Amino acid sequence: MKKKISPAVSNSNELTLSEKKLLNRIIVITQDHNVNNLTRTKAYLAFYLQHPDIHWAFLGHMVSRNGGWNMTDLKGDFLTRLLSKKEQESFFHFLERGNWLIFQDAYPQFLLYEESLKQNRPLFYLLPHLNVSTFMETVWNYYWSVRDPFILCMALVINEQSYLEKRVIQNDHYQKEVLSKFEFSLQDWLSFNQILFPAEGEKLKGQTLHQFQSLHERILLGKRLYAVLFRNKNFHLQALDWAKRHPHTGSRKDYWPHLFNDIKESVPGIPYPLRLKACRLRDGAKRIYSPKLEYAWKNISQPEAEPGDWFQDISVVDYLADDIEMMDGEIKSEYCKTLERLEVAALAQKAVSLLDQR
């Protein structure tokens, strides 16, 4: 691994014609699936069902669902009252950029692994030609020999979060327009710090992130999420069954139709009382509007990913230690309180707006 720090990628002219064709095919397939949050999330699950040893594919699928829910929240009942249209746009572009970047980095790795299986030989020496970190080239080769799904999943968590660090988290534009300006909003309004894993029967597990801008905390969150999703075999099967039965639409109706609807039930302009109590609707209350992603946001084209390999410090391998135990991941009560705070904030903002108009 030490020898791999800041390596030089070999000249593409050294590649064979078949290797060049393979790389081009991987790029095209990735682009075809990297249209929006819906296509990415679907592709992750489809790959996991074909290759259940690649745990990150299912973890990525479930986390990507959360990204889609956060995107549609921006057009839902509550945040449209709390954020201006410009702020909604800024948040969306921030979420979409991160979602896009991770997919265009991770999915080519999966396709190259799939091709390696077909040819019965490791092809991971081609990863640098796909602008994948040399860190992952080393780990994939290790996985080919040892087949340790935990090590590979944690390496992908480290890789993707490190990949985002300079491109999104430390990006001057996003620091100014999103992270610094709306740090409180991200935590308390967007539920941005709560990652939810639904299962049948309104079951909900997950984890909470308290320092989103910390790379260290995001990696540790990935380890905890892995424990919730994979260390409890019963819940893993329940979550997987739920994911297969409920295609991702971006609406929170996907997991709680008793509380959310992708059609507006309330009448615009008419004030409404508090609707929520312990994640149940009060008598006669209308469901919360949570639109489908296809109706909330248009597809946007992304500029190419910024070049460069994040891997400069060998100490990141310490995160690969299997030092996590099975954890329950109970989050329903905390999430319910977040929804109630969000509703109160939205109503208060609406009341202030009405007073300002008088």
Protein backbone atom coordinates (compact mmCIF):
# COMPACT_ATOMS: atom_id res chain seq x y z
CA MET A 1 0.00 0.00 0.00
CA LYS A 2 2.85 2.40 0.82
CA LYS A 3 4.33 1.87 -2.62
CA LYS A 4 1.02 2.86 -4.17
CA ILE A 5 0.98 6.41 -2.81
CA SER A 6 0.97 8.92 -5.69
CA PRO A 7 1.81 6.43 -8.46
CA ALA A 8 2.00 7.37 -12.11
CA VAL A 9 -0.68 5.89 -14.35
CA SER A 10 0.82 4.05 -17.29
CA ASN A 11 0.31 5.47 -20.74
CA SER A 12 -3.01 4.43 -22.29
CA ASN A 13 -1.12 3.47 -25.46
CA GLU A 14 0.22 0.49 -23.56
CA LEU A 15 -3.27 -0.95 -23.28
CA THR A 16 -4.43 -3.62 -25.67
CA LEU A 17 -7.35 -3.02 -27.98
CA SER A 18 -9.57 -5.32 -25.93
CA GLU A 19 -8.64 -3.45 -22.74
CA LYS A 20 -9.48 -0.12 -24.34
CA LYS A 21 -12.82 -1.49 -25.51
CA LEU A 22 -13.57 -2.80 -22.03
CA LEU A 23 -12.78 0.55 -20.41
CA ASN A 24 -14.94 2.41 -22.92
CA ARG A 25 -17.81 -0.01 -22.33
CA ILE A 26 -17.55 0.47 -18.57
CA ILE A 27 -17.59 4.25 -18.99
CA VAL A 28 -20.65 4.14 -21.27
CA ILE A 29 -22.59 1.77 -18.98
CA THR A 30 -21.78 3.93 -15.97
CA GLN A 31 -22.95 7.07 -17.75
CA ASP A 32 -26.19 5.36 -18.77
CA HIS A 33 -26.98 4.58 -15.13
CA ASN A 34 -25.70 7.89 -13.75
CA VAL A 35 -28.66 9.99 -14.93
CA ASN A 36 -30.25 10.77 -11.57
CA ASN A 37 -30.67 9.45 -8.05
CA LEU A 38 -33.32 6.96 -9.18
CA THR A 39 -31.17 5.30 -11.83
CA ARG A 40 -28.14 5.14 -9.54
CA THR A 41 -30.04 3.67 -6.64
CA LYS A 42 -31.64 1.04 -8.87
CA ALA A 43 -28.27 0.09 -10.38
CA TYR A 44 -26.69 -0.46 -6.95
CA LEU A 45 -29.43 -2.89 -5.92
CA ALA A 46 -29.40 -4.75 -9.23
CA PHE A 47 -25.65 -5.27 -8.90
CA TYR A 48 -25.96 -6.47 -5.30
CA LEU A 49 -28.60 -9.03 -6.24
CA GLN A 50 -26.17 -10.41 -8.83
CA HIS A 51 -23.14 -10.18 -6.53
CA PRO A 52 -24.21 -10.40 -2.87
CA ASP A 53 -20.58 -10.64 -1.74
CA ILE A 54 -20.16 -6.94 -2.60
CA HIS A 55 -21.80 -5.59 0.54
CA TRP A 56 -21.18 -1.95 -0.31
CA ALA A 57 -23.56 -2.23 -3.27
CA PHE A 58 -26.50 -2.78 -0.90
CA LEU A 59 -25.21 -0.30 1.67
CA GLY A 60 -24.78 2.22 -1.15
CA HIS A 61 -28.29 1.46 -2.39
CA MET A 62 -29.85 2.16 0.99
CA VAL A 63 -27.82 5.32 1.62
CA SER A 64 -28.60 6.53 -1.90
CA ARG A 65 -32.32 6.14 -1.11
CA ASN A 66 -31.76 8.57 1.75
CA GLY A 67 -30.10 10.98 -0.65
CA GLY A 68 -33.20 10.86 -2.85
CA TRP A 69 -35.49 11.46 0.12
CA ASN A 70 -33.44 14.48 1.13
CA MET A 71 -33.72 15.81 -2.42
CA THR A 72 -37.51 15.53 -2.49
CA ASP A 73 -37.84 16.93 1.04
CA LEU A 74 -36.72 20.21 -0.51
CA LYS A 75 -40.00 20.26 -2.47
CA GLY A 76 -42.16 18.77 0.27
CA ASP A 77 -44.63 20.30 2.71
CA PHE A 78 -42.16 21.57 5.28
CA LEU A 79 -38.96 22.76 3.64
CA THR A 80 -40.75 24.80 0.99
CA ARG A 81 -41.91 26.96 3.90
CA LEU A 82 -38.46 27.17 5.47
CA LEU A 83 -36.14 27.63 2.49
CA SER A 84 -36.22 30.04 -0.43
CA LYS A 85 -36.20 28.64 -3.96
CA LYS A 86 -32.53 29.60 -4.29
CA GLU A 87 -31.70 27.77 -1.07
CA GLN A 88 -33.63 24.72 -2.26
CA GLU A 89 -31.64 24.77 -5.51
CA SER A 90 -28.33 25.07 -3.65
CA PHE A 91 -29.14 22.11 -1.42
CA PHE A 92 -30.26 20.01 -4.36
CA HIS A 93 -27.13 20.68 -6.40
CA PHE A 94 -25.01 19.83 -3.37
CA LEU A 95 -26.80 16.52 -2.83
CA GLU A 96 -26.89 15.67 -6.53
CA ARG A 97 -23.19 16.39 -7.05
CA GLY A 98 -22.20 14.06 -4.22
CA ASN A 99 -24.57 11.33 -5.39
CA TRP A 100 -23.26 11.63 -8.96
CA LEU A 101 -19.61 11.65 -7.95
CA ILE A 102 -19.84 8.55 -5.79
CA PHE A 103 -21.62 6.56 -8.50
CA GLN A 104 -19.18 7.48 -11.26
CA ASP A 105 -16.34 6.36 -9.00
CA ALA A 106 -17.85 3.22 -7.44
CA TYR A 107 -19.85 1.68 -10.26
CA PRO A 108 -16.92 1.27 -12.69
CA GLN A 109 -15.17 -0.69 -9.94
CA PHE A 110 -18.14 -3.04 -9.77
CA LEU A 111 -18.22 -3.52 -13.52
CA LEU A 112 -14.50 -4.27 -13.62
CA TYR A 113 -14.94 -6.82 -10.84
CA GLU A 114 -17.78 -8.41 -12.80
CA GLU A 115 -15.57 -8.64 -15.87
CA SER A 116 -12.76 -10.11 -13.77
CA LEU A 117 -15.14 -12.87 -12.70
CA LYS A 118 -16.08 -13.55 -16.32
CA GLN A 119 -12.44 -13.79 -17.39
CA ASN A 120 -11.43 -15.57 -14.17
CA ARG A 121 -8.51 -13.23 -13.64
CA PRO A 122 -8.07 -9.91 -11.78
CA LEU A 123 -8.28 -6.86 -14.02
CA PHE A 124 -7.83 -4.28 -11.29
CA TYR A 125 -4.64 -2.92 -12.84
CA LEU A 126 -7.07 -1.08 -15.12
CA LEU A 127 -8.63 0.89 -12.25
CA PRO A 128 -6.22 3.86 -12.53
CA HIS A 129 -7.36 4.28 -16.15
CA LEU A 130 -10.85 4.81 -14.73
CA ASN A 131 -9.47 7.46 -12.35
CA VAL A 132 -10.08 5.20 -9.36
CA SER A 133 -7.75 5.64 -6.41
CA THR A 134 -4.74 3.37 -6.26
CA PHE A 135 -5.92 2.58 -2.71
CA MET A 136 -8.81 0.63 -4.20
CA GLU A 137 -6.59 -1.13 -6.74
CA THR A 138 -4.65 -2.61 -3.83
CA VAL A 139 -7.77 -3.55 -1.88
CA TRP A 140 -9.51 -5.16 -4.87
CA ASN A 141 -6.44 -7.30 -5.52
CA TYR A 142 -6.44 -8.29 -1.87
CA TYR A 143 -10.12 -9.12 -2.05
CA TRP A 144 -9.57 -11.28 -5.10
CA SER A 145 -7.24 -13.46 -3.02
CA VAL A 146 -8.90 -13.35 0.40
CA ARG A 147 -12.59 -12.62 -0.35
CA ASP A 148 -13.23 -10.68 2.85
CA PRO A 149 -16.47 -8.72 2.20
CA PHE A 150 -16.06 -6.57 5.31
CA ILE A 151 -12.60 -5.32 4.33
CA LEU A 152 -13.78 -4.49 0.82
CA CYS A 153 -16.91 -2.70 2.05
CA MET A 154 -14.98 -0.61 4.57
CA ALA A 155 -12.36 0.22 1.93
CA LEU A 156 -15.14 1.47 -0.35
CA VAL A 157 -16.58 3.55 2.52
CA ILE A 158 -13.14 5.09 3.12
CA ASN A 159 -12.62 5.62 -0.60
CA GLU A 160 -15.94 7.25 -1.38
CA GLN A 161 -15.91 9.58 1.63
CA SER A 162 -12.30 10.56 0.95
CA TYR A 163 -13.16 11.05 -2.71
CA LEU A 164 -15.91 13.51 -1.74
CA GLU A 165 -13.80 15.41 0.78
CA LYS A 166 -12.09 17.91 -1.54
CA ARG A 167 -14.55 17.67 -4.41
CA VAL A 168 -17.66 18.48 -2.37
CA ILE A 169 -17.15 18.94 1.38
CA GLN A 170 -14.12 21.24 1.08
CA ASN A 171 -15.26 22.76 -2.21
CA ASP A 172 -15.32 26.56 -1.84
CA HIS A 173 -18.68 26.91 -3.58
CA TYR A 174 -20.46 24.34 -1.42
CA GLN A 175 -18.77 25.64 1.72
CA LYS A 176 -20.13 29.12 1.00
CA GLU A 177 -23.55 28.29 -0.43
CA VAL A 178 -24.49 25.23 1.62
CA LEU A 179 -22.36 23.93 4.46
CA SER A 180 -21.35 27.15 6.23
CA LYS A 181 -24.51 29.07 5.42
CA PHE A 182 -26.99 26.39 6.41
CA GLU A 183 -25.16 24.19 8.88
CA PHE A 184 -28.02 24.42 11.37
CA SER A 185 -30.55 23.73 8.64
CA LEU A 186 -28.74 20.61 7.50
CA GLN A 187 -28.82 19.19 10.98
CA ASP A 188 -32.29 20.12 12.19
CA TRP A 189 -34.43 20.80 9.15
CA LEU A 190 -33.27 18.38 6.51
CA SER A 191 -32.77 15.39 8.81
CA PHE A 192 -29.58 15.29 6.78
CA ASN A 193 -27.79 13.65 9.65
CA GLN A 194 -30.20 10.70 9.93
CA ILE A 195 -29.71 7.70 7.64
CA LEU A 196 -32.82 5.49 7.65
CA PHE A 197 -33.08 1.80 6.75
CA PRO A 198 -36.74 0.79 6.41
CA ALA A 199 -38.22 -2.70 6.54
CA GLU A 200 -41.75 -4.09 6.37
CA GLY A 201 -44.27 -3.21 9.07
CA GLU A 202 -43.09 0.41 9.50
CA LYS A 203 -39.83 -0.90 10.96
CA LEU A 204 -37.04 1.66 10.82
CA LYS A 205 -33.39 1.39 11.80
CA GLY A 206 -30.39 3.57 11.09
CA GLN A 207 -27.79 5.89 12.54
CA THR A 208 -27.26 9.59 13.19
CA LEU A 209 -24.26 11.65 12.09
CA HIS A 210 -23.44 14.62 14.30
CA GLN A 211 -20.46 16.14 12.46
CA PHE A 212 -21.18 15.93 8.74
CA GLN A 213 -18.11 17.94 7.74
CA SER A 214 -15.76 15.54 9.54
CA LEU A 215 -14.29 12.87 7.24
CA HIS A 216 -13.43 10.80 10.30
CA GLU A 217 -17.01 10.87 11.57
CA ARG A 218 -18.45 10.03 8.15
CA ILE A 219 -16.21 6.97 7.87
CA LEU A 220 -17.17 5.84 11.37
CA LEU A 221 -20.81 6.34 10.41
CA GLY A 222 -20.24 4.01 7.47
CA LYS A 223 -18.93 1.35 9.84
CA ARG A 224 -21.95 1.72 12.12
CA LEU A 225 -24.35 1.58 9.19
CA TYR A 226 -22.64 -1.60 8.03
CA ALA A 227 -23.16 -3.11 11.47
CA VAL A 228 -26.87 -2.24 11.44
CA LEU A 229 -27.41 -3.57 7.92
CA PHE A 230 -25.20 -6.67 7.90
CA ARG A 231 -24.41 -7.84 11.43
CA ASN A 232 -28.07 -8.51 12.25
CA LYS A 233 -28.95 -11.23 9.75
CA ASN A 234 -32.68 -11.04 10.38
CA PHE A 235 -32.86 -7.31 9.80
CA HIS A 236 -30.60 -7.62 6.76
CA LEU A 237 -33.05 -10.02 5.14
CA GLN A 238 -36.00 -7.82 6.11
CA ALA A 239 -34.37 -4.68 4.67
CA LEU A 240 -33.37 -6.49 1.48
CA ASP A 241 -36.85 -7.90 1.05
CA TRP A 242 -38.31 -4.42 1.57
CA ALA A 243 -35.91 -2.92 -0.99
CA LYS A 244 -36.87 -5.50 -3.60
CA ARG A 245 -40.59 -4.98 -2.97
CA HIS A 246 -40.47 -1.16 -3.01
CA PRO A 247 -38.77 0.43 -6.03
CA HIS A 248 -37.13 3.73 -5.13
CA THR A 249 -39.24 6.73 -6.19
CA GLY A 250 -37.67 9.41 -3.98
CA SER A 251 -40.90 9.87 -2.04
CA ARG A 252 -40.94 8.99 1.66
CA LYS A 253 -44.27 7.34 0.88
CA ASP A 254 -42.09 4.39 -0.18
CA TYR A 255 -41.59 3.41 3.46
CA TRP A 256 -44.34 5.17 5.44
CA PRO A 257 -47.48 5.57 3.29
CA HIS A 258 -49.52 6.07 6.46
CA LEU A 259 -47.70 9.38 7.00
CA PHE A 260 -46.55 10.55 3.56
CA ASN A 261 -48.19 10.86 0.16
CA ASP A 262 -46.71 11.78 -3.21
CA ILE A 263 -49.89 13.74 -3.99
CA LYS A 264 -50.79 16.94 -2.14
CA GLU A 265 -53.79 16.32 0.11
CA SER A 266 -53.86 19.70 1.85
CA VAL A 267 -55.42 22.76 0.21
CA PRO A 268 -52.83 25.44 -0.73
CA GLY A 269 -53.06 28.68 1.23
CA ILE A 270 -55.21 27.28 4.02
CA PRO A 271 -53.47 27.12 7.43
CA TYR A 272 -53.43 23.74 9.09
CA PRO A 273 -52.91 22.73 12.73
CA LEU A 274 -50.22 20.36 13.92
CA ARG A 275 -50.70 17.03 12.17
CA LEU A 276 -48.11 14.79 13.82
CA LYS A 277 -48.00 13.06 17.16
CA ALA A 278 -45.53 10.20 17.71
CA CYS A 279 -45.31 9.55 13.97
CA ARG A 280 -49.07 9.24 13.65
CA LEU A 281 -51.51 11.64 12.05
CA ARG A 282 -53.92 13.38 14.36
CA ASP A 283 -57.61 12.77 13.68
CA GLY A 284 -58.65 14.25 10.36
CA ALA A 285 -55.13 15.40 9.46
CA LYS A 286 -53.84 15.18 5.89
CA ARG A 287 -50.72 13.23 5.02
CA ILE A 288 -47.41 15.04 4.53
CA TYR A 289 -46.57 15.82 0.92
CA SER A 290 -43.43 13.99 -0.23
CA PRO A 291 -43.17 14.12 -4.02
CA LYS A 292 -41.57 11.59 -6.33
CA LEU A 293 -38.14 12.66 -7.49
CA GLU A 294 -39.10 12.73 -11.17
CA TYR A 295 -41.66 15.45 -10.43
CA ALA A 296 -39.55 17.35 -7.90
CA TRP A 297 -36.34 17.90 -9.87
CA LYS A 298 -35.25 17.78 -13.48
CA ASN A 299 -32.17 15.82 -14.53
CA ILE A 300 -29.03 17.95 -14.65
CA SER A 301 -25.76 17.37 -16.46
CA GLN A 302 -22.65 17.35 -14.31
CA PRO A 303 -19.18 18.64 -15.15
CA GLU A 304 -16.43 16.02 -15.14
CA ALA A 305 -15.07 14.94 -11.79
CA GLU A 306 -12.07 16.85 -10.55
CA PRO A 307 -8.86 14.86 -11.16
CA GLY A 308 -6.49 13.60 -8.51
CA ASP A 309 -5.97 10.67 -6.15
CA TRP A 310 -6.95 11.34 -2.55
CA PHE A 311 -4.71 8.56 -1.18
CA GLN A 312 -1.72 10.20 0.48
CA ASP A 313 -1.74 8.81 4.01
CA ILE A 314 -1.23 5.14 4.86
CA SER A 315 -2.94 5.61 8.25
CA VAL A 316 -6.38 5.30 6.64
CA VAL A 317 -5.90 1.52 6.67
CA ASP A 318 -6.61 1.66 10.41
CA TYR A 319 -10.29 2.10 9.53
CA LEU A 320 -10.27 -1.38 8.01
CA ALA A 321 -10.09 -2.97 11.45
CA ASP A 322 -13.15 -5.07 12.20
CA ASP A 323 -13.83 -3.43 15.54
CA ILE A 324 -17.61 -3.07 15.32
CA GLU A 325 -20.18 -5.24 17.01
CA MET A 326 -23.76 -5.86 16.07
CA MET A 327 -25.91 -2.85 16.98
CA ASP A 328 -29.65 -2.47 17.06
CA GLY A 329 -29.78 0.83 15.16
CA GLU A 330 -33.12 1.87 16.66
CA ILE A 331 -33.85 5.34 15.28
CA LYS A 332 -37.63 5.54 14.92
CA SER A 333 -38.24 7.58 18.06
CA GLU A 334 -35.48 10.06 17.21
CA TYR A 335 -36.73 10.41 13.63
CA CYS A 336 -40.28 11.03 14.84
CA LYS A 337 -39.06 13.85 17.05
CA THR A 338 -37.20 15.34 14.09
CA LEU A 339 -40.38 15.33 12.00
CA GLU A 340 -42.31 17.02 14.80
CA ARG A 341 -39.64 19.74 15.19
CA LEU A 342 -39.67 20.24 11.44
CA GLU A 343 -43.44 20.66 11.38
CA VAL A 344 -43.38 23.16 14.24
CA ALA A 345 -40.62 25.15 12.51
CA ALA A 346 -42.60 25.19 9.25
CA LEU A 347 -45.76 26.37 10.99
CA ALA A 348 -43.86 29.07 12.86
CA GLN A 349 -42.30 30.32 9.65
CA LYS A 350 -45.71 30.37 7.97
CA ALA A 351 -47.13 32.40 10.84
CA VAL A 352 -44.29 34.91 10.60
CA SER A 353 -44.85 35.22 6.85
CA LEU A 354 -48.54 35.94 7.38
CA LEU A 355 -47.74 38.62 9.95
CA ASP A 356 -45.25 40.23 7.58
CA GLN A 357 -47.92 40.46 4.92
CA ARG A 358 -50.27 42.44 7.16
